[in-house]
Each structure stands twice: as C-alpha cells, then as structure tokens.
Amino acid sequence: MSNTHIVDQDIVQHEKETLKKHKKTQIFLQQEVNLSNTPLFLPEGLELPFLGIYIIFLPYIAGVLFVFFSVANMDYKTFLSLNDNLFFIMNWMVGYEIIAASILLIIAKSAVLFHLKNS
C-alpha cells in the first residue's frame, strides 16, 4: 500500500514540473534567444565589425538585386541608366525595406507556428 502512495507522489510531482515548464514556454515573446543559432557568421571578438558590414552591405545587395530584376527587368542598359548620384542610398533603402519585411514575416510565421505547437 505504501509503494503505490510513493509512486503516486512521484507521478504528481513529475506532472507539476512538466506543467510548470510547459507554462513557462507558452509565451512567445518571453522565449530565450540564442544568437549562436543565427545564420550570420559572427566570429567571437569581431561581432561589431561584422554586424556593421552586414548592416551596410546586405541591404545594398538586396536593393541592387531587386532593382535589377524588378525595375530594370534584367536589362543591363536600363539598369545602368538608373545610376545617379543617390544610387547607393536608393538601393540601400529599398534593400533595407525588403530585409525588414522579410524579418517581420519570419517573426510572424514563428509566432503562428509557436502558437499552433503549444495549443
């Protein structure tokens, strides 16, 4: 008779711990963020220079690709005719908006999947 009481207490304790852990992770905005899982290459000690490079060049490259494929319709002559004094800044701003919208969509997708997984 005492054995079943000990087993029942262990089961109840285990259920309480599991429920406590489950409740902790049910809030999407309170998750732990681990930067080592990011797809960006950030070597230790050089995080700030690499982040600066990423902040400058990734939006510019995304903007140049968007302008070339979408605005210039992959025509090199048309693409070169768009070159003016503000070409870098224009492309950077277009690329920034593309990357920002992509990040927001990824966050929204993660939130929806998190909610579906925990409900």
N, C-alpha and C. Protein backbone atom coordinates (compact mmCIF):
# COMPACT_ATOMS: atom_id res chain seq x y z
N MET A 1 0.81 -1.19 0.00
CA MET A 1 0.00 0.00 0.00
C MET A 1 0.86 1.26 0.00
N SER A 2 1.95 1.27 0.71
CA SER A 2 2.82 2.44 0.78
C SER A 2 3.57 2.65 -0.53
N ASN A 3 3.86 1.57 -1.28
CA ASN A 3 4.53 1.70 -2.56
C ASN A 3 3.70 2.50 -3.56
N THR A 4 2.42 2.25 -3.62
CA THR A 4 1.57 2.98 -4.56
C THR A 4 1.48 4.45 -4.18
N HIS A 5 1.53 4.74 -2.89
CA HIS A 5 1.49 6.14 -2.45
C HIS A 5 2.75 6.89 -2.91
N ILE A 6 3.92 6.24 -2.82
CA ILE A 6 5.17 6.86 -3.26
C ILE A 6 5.16 7.06 -4.77
N VAL A 7 4.68 6.06 -5.51
CA VAL A 7 4.60 6.16 -6.96
C VAL A 7 3.64 7.27 -7.36
N ASP A 8 2.50 7.35 -6.67
CA ASP A 8 1.54 8.42 -6.96
C ASP A 8 2.14 9.79 -6.70
N GLN A 9 2.92 9.94 -5.63
CA GLN A 9 3.55 11.22 -5.34
C GLN A 9 4.58 11.58 -6.42
N ASP A 10 5.33 10.57 -6.88
CA ASP A 10 6.31 10.82 -7.94
C ASP A 10 5.61 11.26 -9.23
N ILE A 11 4.50 10.61 -9.54
CA ILE A 11 3.77 10.97 -10.76
C ILE A 11 3.22 12.39 -10.64
N VAL A 12 2.66 12.72 -9.49
CA VAL A 12 2.10 14.06 -9.28
C VAL A 12 3.21 15.10 -9.35
N GLN A 13 4.37 14.81 -8.74
CA GLN A 13 5.49 15.75 -8.77
C GLN A 13 5.98 15.94 -10.20
N HIS A 14 6.08 14.86 -10.95
CA HIS A 14 6.53 14.94 -12.34
C HIS A 14 5.53 15.75 -13.18
N GLU A 15 4.24 15.53 -12.97
CA GLU A 15 3.22 16.29 -13.70
C GLU A 15 3.29 17.77 -13.36
N LYS A 16 3.54 18.11 -12.10
CA LYS A 16 3.65 19.51 -11.71
C LYS A 16 4.86 20.17 -12.39
N GLU A 17 6.00 19.48 -12.41
CA GLU A 17 7.20 20.03 -13.04
C GLU A 17 6.99 20.20 -14.55
N THR A 18 6.37 19.22 -15.18
CA THR A 18 6.11 19.29 -16.61
C THR A 18 5.16 20.45 -16.92
N LEU A 19 4.12 20.60 -16.10
CA LEU A 19 3.17 21.69 -16.31
C LEU A 19 3.85 23.04 -16.10
N LYS A 20 4.73 23.15 -15.10
CA LYS A 20 5.45 24.40 -14.85
C LYS A 20 6.35 24.75 -16.04
N LYS A 21 7.07 23.77 -16.57
CA LYS A 21 7.92 24.02 -17.74
C LYS A 21 7.08 24.39 -18.95
N HIS A 22 5.95 23.72 -19.12
CA HIS A 22 5.08 23.99 -20.27
C HIS A 22 4.50 25.40 -20.19
N LYS A 23 4.12 25.83 -18.99
CA LYS A 23 3.58 27.18 -18.83
C LYS A 23 4.65 28.24 -19.10
N LYS A 24 5.89 27.96 -18.72
CA LYS A 24 6.96 28.93 -18.94
C LYS A 24 7.20 29.19 -20.42
N THR A 25 7.09 28.17 -21.26
CA THR A 25 7.43 28.32 -22.67
C THR A 25 6.22 28.66 -23.54
N GLN A 26 5.07 28.91 -22.96
CA GLN A 26 3.91 29.18 -23.77
C GLN A 26 3.80 30.64 -24.21
N ILE A 27 4.66 31.50 -23.74
CA ILE A 27 4.61 32.91 -24.13
C ILE A 27 5.71 33.15 -25.16
N PHE A 28 5.31 33.49 -26.37
CA PHE A 28 6.25 33.63 -27.49
C PHE A 28 7.29 34.69 -27.24
N LEU A 29 6.89 35.83 -26.70
CA LEU A 29 7.81 36.95 -26.53
C LEU A 29 8.77 36.77 -25.37
N GLN A 30 8.56 35.74 -24.54
CA GLN A 30 9.45 35.52 -23.40
C GLN A 30 10.37 34.32 -23.62
N GLN A 31 10.53 33.89 -24.87
CA GLN A 31 11.45 32.81 -25.17
C GLN A 31 12.88 33.30 -25.06
N GLU A 32 13.79 32.37 -24.80
CA GLU A 32 15.21 32.72 -24.82
C GLU A 32 15.67 32.80 -26.26
N VAL A 33 16.49 33.80 -26.56
CA VAL A 33 17.05 33.96 -27.90
C VAL A 33 18.52 33.58 -27.83
N ASN A 34 18.90 32.61 -28.65
CA ASN A 34 20.27 32.16 -28.69
C ASN A 34 20.89 32.62 -30.00
N LEU A 35 21.81 33.58 -29.92
CA LEU A 35 22.41 34.15 -31.12
C LEU A 35 23.37 33.20 -31.82
N SER A 36 23.74 32.11 -31.17
CA SER A 36 24.62 31.15 -31.83
C SER A 36 23.86 30.35 -32.89
N ASN A 37 22.54 30.41 -32.89
CA ASN A 37 21.74 29.71 -33.89
C ASN A 37 21.41 30.58 -35.09
N THR A 38 21.95 31.79 -35.15
CA THR A 38 21.65 32.68 -36.28
C THR A 38 22.44 32.25 -37.51
N PRO A 39 21.91 32.51 -38.69
CA PRO A 39 22.63 32.11 -39.90
C PRO A 39 23.77 33.07 -40.27
N LEU A 40 23.99 34.11 -39.49
CA LEU A 40 25.06 35.06 -39.79
C LEU A 40 26.38 34.58 -39.19
N PHE A 41 27.46 34.86 -39.89
CA PHE A 41 28.79 34.50 -39.41
C PHE A 41 29.29 35.61 -38.51
N LEU A 42 29.34 35.35 -37.21
CA LEU A 42 29.81 36.34 -36.23
C LEU A 42 30.93 35.72 -35.39
N PRO A 43 32.19 35.89 -35.81
CA PRO A 43 33.29 35.31 -35.01
C PRO A 43 33.43 36.04 -33.68
N GLU A 44 33.85 35.30 -32.67
CA GLU A 44 33.98 35.88 -31.34
C GLU A 44 35.02 37.00 -31.34
N GLY A 45 34.66 38.10 -30.71
CA GLY A 45 35.54 39.25 -30.63
C GLY A 45 35.39 40.22 -31.80
N LEU A 46 34.79 39.79 -32.89
CA LEU A 46 34.62 40.65 -34.06
C LEU A 46 33.14 40.84 -34.41
N GLU A 47 32.28 40.73 -33.41
CA GLU A 47 30.84 40.83 -33.67
C GLU A 47 30.45 42.19 -34.22
N LEU A 48 30.94 43.27 -33.60
CA LEU A 48 30.54 44.61 -34.03
C LEU A 48 31.01 44.96 -35.44
N PRO A 49 32.26 44.69 -35.81
CA PRO A 49 32.64 44.98 -37.20
C PRO A 49 31.84 44.17 -38.22
N PHE A 50 31.58 42.91 -37.91
CA PHE A 50 30.81 42.09 -38.85
C PHE A 50 29.36 42.55 -38.92
N LEU A 51 28.78 42.95 -37.78
CA LEU A 51 27.41 43.49 -37.82
C LEU A 51 27.37 44.78 -38.63
N GLY A 52 28.39 45.62 -38.51
CA GLY A 52 28.45 46.84 -39.33
C GLY A 52 28.51 46.52 -40.81
N ILE A 53 29.33 45.54 -41.16
CA ILE A 53 29.42 45.13 -42.56
C ILE A 53 28.08 44.61 -43.05
N TYR A 54 27.43 43.78 -42.23
CA TYR A 54 26.13 43.23 -42.62
C TYR A 54 25.09 44.33 -42.77
N ILE A 55 25.09 45.31 -41.84
CA ILE A 55 24.09 46.38 -41.88
C ILE A 55 24.27 47.25 -43.12
N ILE A 56 25.50 47.42 -43.57
CA ILE A 56 25.75 48.25 -44.75
C ILE A 56 25.53 47.47 -46.05
N PHE A 57 26.11 46.29 -46.15
CA PHE A 57 26.16 45.61 -47.45
C PHE A 57 24.96 44.71 -47.75
N LEU A 58 24.37 44.05 -46.76
CA LEU A 58 23.24 43.17 -47.07
C LEU A 58 22.04 43.94 -47.65
N PRO A 59 21.63 45.07 -47.06
CA PRO A 59 20.54 45.82 -47.69
C PRO A 59 20.91 46.36 -49.08
N TYR A 60 22.15 46.78 -49.25
CA TYR A 60 22.57 47.30 -50.56
C TYR A 60 22.49 46.20 -51.61
N ILE A 61 22.99 45.02 -51.30
CA ILE A 61 22.96 43.91 -52.26
C ILE A 61 21.53 43.51 -52.56
N ALA A 62 20.68 43.45 -51.53
CA ALA A 62 19.27 43.11 -51.75
C ALA A 62 18.59 44.17 -52.62
N GLY A 63 18.91 45.44 -52.39
CA GLY A 63 18.33 46.52 -53.20
C GLY A 63 18.79 46.47 -54.64
N VAL A 64 20.09 46.22 -54.86
CA VAL A 64 20.61 46.14 -56.23
C VAL A 64 19.94 44.99 -56.97
N LEU A 65 19.81 43.85 -56.31
CA LEU A 65 19.17 42.70 -56.96
C LEU A 65 17.70 42.98 -57.28
N PHE A 66 17.01 43.62 -56.33
CA PHE A 66 15.60 43.95 -56.57
C PHE A 66 15.46 44.92 -57.73
N VAL A 67 16.28 45.96 -57.75
CA VAL A 67 16.21 46.95 -58.83
C VAL A 67 16.55 46.29 -60.16
N PHE A 68 17.56 45.45 -60.19
CA PHE A 68 17.95 44.81 -61.44
C PHE A 68 16.86 43.87 -61.95
N PHE A 69 16.32 43.04 -61.08
CA PHE A 69 15.34 42.05 -61.52
C PHE A 69 13.93 42.62 -61.69
N SER A 70 13.56 43.55 -60.84
CA SER A 70 12.18 44.03 -60.86
C SER A 70 12.01 45.32 -61.66
N VAL A 71 12.82 46.33 -61.38
CA VAL A 71 12.65 47.63 -62.02
C VAL A 71 13.25 47.62 -63.43
N ALA A 72 14.46 47.11 -63.57
CA ALA A 72 15.14 47.14 -64.86
C ALA A 72 14.78 45.93 -65.74
N ASN A 73 14.00 45.02 -65.24
CA ASN A 73 13.59 43.81 -65.97
C ASN A 73 14.79 43.05 -66.55
N MET A 74 15.85 42.94 -65.76
CA MET A 74 17.07 42.21 -66.11
C MET A 74 17.75 42.75 -67.37
N ASP A 75 17.54 44.00 -67.69
CA ASP A 75 18.21 44.64 -68.82
C ASP A 75 19.35 45.49 -68.28
N TYR A 76 20.57 45.13 -68.64
CA TYR A 76 21.75 45.78 -68.10
C TYR A 76 21.81 47.26 -68.47
N LYS A 77 21.41 47.61 -69.69
CA LYS A 77 21.45 49.01 -70.12
C LYS A 77 20.46 49.85 -69.33
N THR A 78 19.28 49.32 -69.11
CA THR A 78 18.28 50.03 -68.30
C THR A 78 18.77 50.17 -66.86
N PHE A 79 19.39 49.13 -66.36
CA PHE A 79 19.93 49.16 -65.00
C PHE A 79 20.99 50.24 -64.87
N LEU A 80 21.88 50.34 -65.84
CA LEU A 80 22.92 51.37 -65.79
C LEU A 80 22.35 52.77 -65.95
N SER A 81 21.22 52.90 -66.65
CA SER A 81 20.62 54.23 -66.81
C SER A 81 20.02 54.74 -65.50
N LEU A 82 19.78 53.84 -64.55
CA LEU A 82 19.25 54.25 -63.24
C LEU A 82 20.34 54.81 -62.34
N ASN A 83 21.60 54.72 -62.76
CA ASN A 83 22.72 55.18 -61.96
C ASN A 83 22.71 56.71 -61.89
N ASP A 84 22.56 57.21 -60.70
CA ASP A 84 22.63 58.65 -60.48
C ASP A 84 23.40 58.91 -59.19
N ASN A 85 23.34 60.11 -58.68
CA ASN A 85 24.12 60.47 -57.50
C ASN A 85 23.66 59.76 -56.24
N LEU A 86 22.41 59.36 -56.18
CA LEU A 86 21.87 58.72 -54.98
C LEU A 86 21.66 57.22 -55.17
N PHE A 87 22.39 56.61 -56.10
CA PHE A 87 22.19 55.21 -56.42
C PHE A 87 22.43 54.31 -55.21
N PHE A 88 23.52 54.55 -54.46
CA PHE A 88 23.83 53.72 -53.29
C PHE A 88 22.73 53.83 -52.24
N ILE A 89 22.37 55.06 -51.91
CA ILE A 89 21.36 55.26 -50.85
C ILE A 89 20.00 54.72 -51.28
N MET A 90 19.62 54.93 -52.54
CA MET A 90 18.33 54.42 -53.02
C MET A 90 18.29 52.90 -52.92
N ASN A 91 19.34 52.26 -53.40
CA ASN A 91 19.38 50.80 -53.35
C ASN A 91 19.44 50.28 -51.92
N TRP A 92 20.17 50.98 -51.06
CA TRP A 92 20.26 50.56 -49.67
C TRP A 92 18.89 50.64 -49.00
N MET A 93 18.15 51.73 -49.25
CA MET A 93 16.83 51.89 -48.64
C MET A 93 15.85 50.84 -49.15
N VAL A 94 15.87 50.55 -50.44
CA VAL A 94 15.00 49.52 -51.00
C VAL A 94 15.35 48.17 -50.38
N GLY A 95 16.63 47.85 -50.31
CA GLY A 95 17.07 46.58 -49.72
C GLY A 95 16.73 46.49 -48.25
N TYR A 96 16.87 47.62 -47.53
CA TYR A 96 16.52 47.64 -46.11
C TYR A 96 15.05 47.30 -45.91
N GLU A 97 14.20 47.89 -46.72
CA GLU A 97 12.77 47.60 -46.60
C GLU A 97 12.46 46.14 -46.94
N ILE A 98 13.14 45.60 -47.93
CA ILE A 98 12.93 44.19 -48.29
C ILE A 98 13.36 43.28 -47.14
N ILE A 99 14.52 43.55 -46.57
CA ILE A 99 15.01 42.71 -45.47
C ILE A 99 14.13 42.89 -44.23
N ALA A 100 13.71 44.12 -43.93
CA ALA A 100 12.85 44.36 -42.77
C ALA A 100 11.51 43.63 -42.92
N ALA A 101 10.92 43.69 -44.10
CA ALA A 101 9.65 42.99 -44.34
C ALA A 101 9.84 41.49 -44.24
N SER A 102 10.95 40.99 -44.74
CA SER A 102 11.23 39.55 -44.66
C SER A 102 11.38 39.11 -43.21
N ILE A 103 12.09 39.90 -42.41
CA ILE A 103 12.27 39.56 -41.00
C ILE A 103 10.93 39.58 -40.26
N LEU A 104 10.10 40.57 -40.55
CA LEU A 104 8.78 40.63 -39.91
C LEU A 104 7.92 39.43 -40.29
N LEU A 105 7.99 39.01 -41.55
CA LEU A 105 7.24 37.82 -41.97
C LEU A 105 7.76 36.56 -41.29
N ILE A 106 9.07 36.45 -41.12
CA ILE A 106 9.64 35.29 -40.43
C ILE A 106 9.22 35.28 -38.96
N ILE A 107 9.21 36.44 -38.32
CA ILE A 107 8.76 36.53 -36.92
C ILE A 107 7.29 36.15 -36.81
N ALA A 108 6.45 36.64 -37.72
CA ALA A 108 5.03 36.30 -37.69
C ALA A 108 4.84 34.80 -37.90
N LYS A 109 5.58 34.22 -38.84
CA LYS A 109 5.48 32.78 -39.08
C LYS A 109 5.90 31.99 -37.85
N SER A 110 6.98 32.41 -37.19
CA SER A 110 7.45 31.74 -35.98
C SER A 110 6.40 31.83 -34.87
N ALA A 111 5.77 32.99 -34.74
CA ALA A 111 4.75 33.17 -33.70
C ALA A 111 3.54 32.26 -33.96
N VAL A 112 3.12 32.17 -35.21
CA VAL A 112 1.98 31.31 -35.55
C VAL A 112 2.32 29.86 -35.30
N LEU A 113 3.50 29.42 -35.75
CA LEU A 113 3.90 28.04 -35.53
C LEU A 113 4.08 27.73 -34.05
N PHE A 114 4.59 28.68 -33.27
CA PHE A 114 4.74 28.52 -31.83
C PHE A 114 3.36 28.35 -31.18
N HIS A 115 2.42 29.17 -31.61
CA HIS A 115 1.07 29.09 -31.04
C HIS A 115 0.41 27.75 -31.40
N LEU A 116 0.57 27.33 -32.63
CA LEU A 116 -0.02 26.06 -33.05
C LEU A 116 0.61 24.88 -32.33
N LYS A 117 1.91 24.95 -32.08
CA LYS A 117 2.61 23.87 -31.40
C LYS A 117 2.19 23.76 -29.93
N ASN A 118 1.92 24.90 -29.29
CA ASN A 118 1.61 24.92 -27.87
C ASN A 118 0.12 24.92 -27.57
N SER A 119 -0.72 24.84 -28.57
CA SER A 119 -2.16 24.82 -28.26
C SER A 119 -2.75 23.44 -28.45
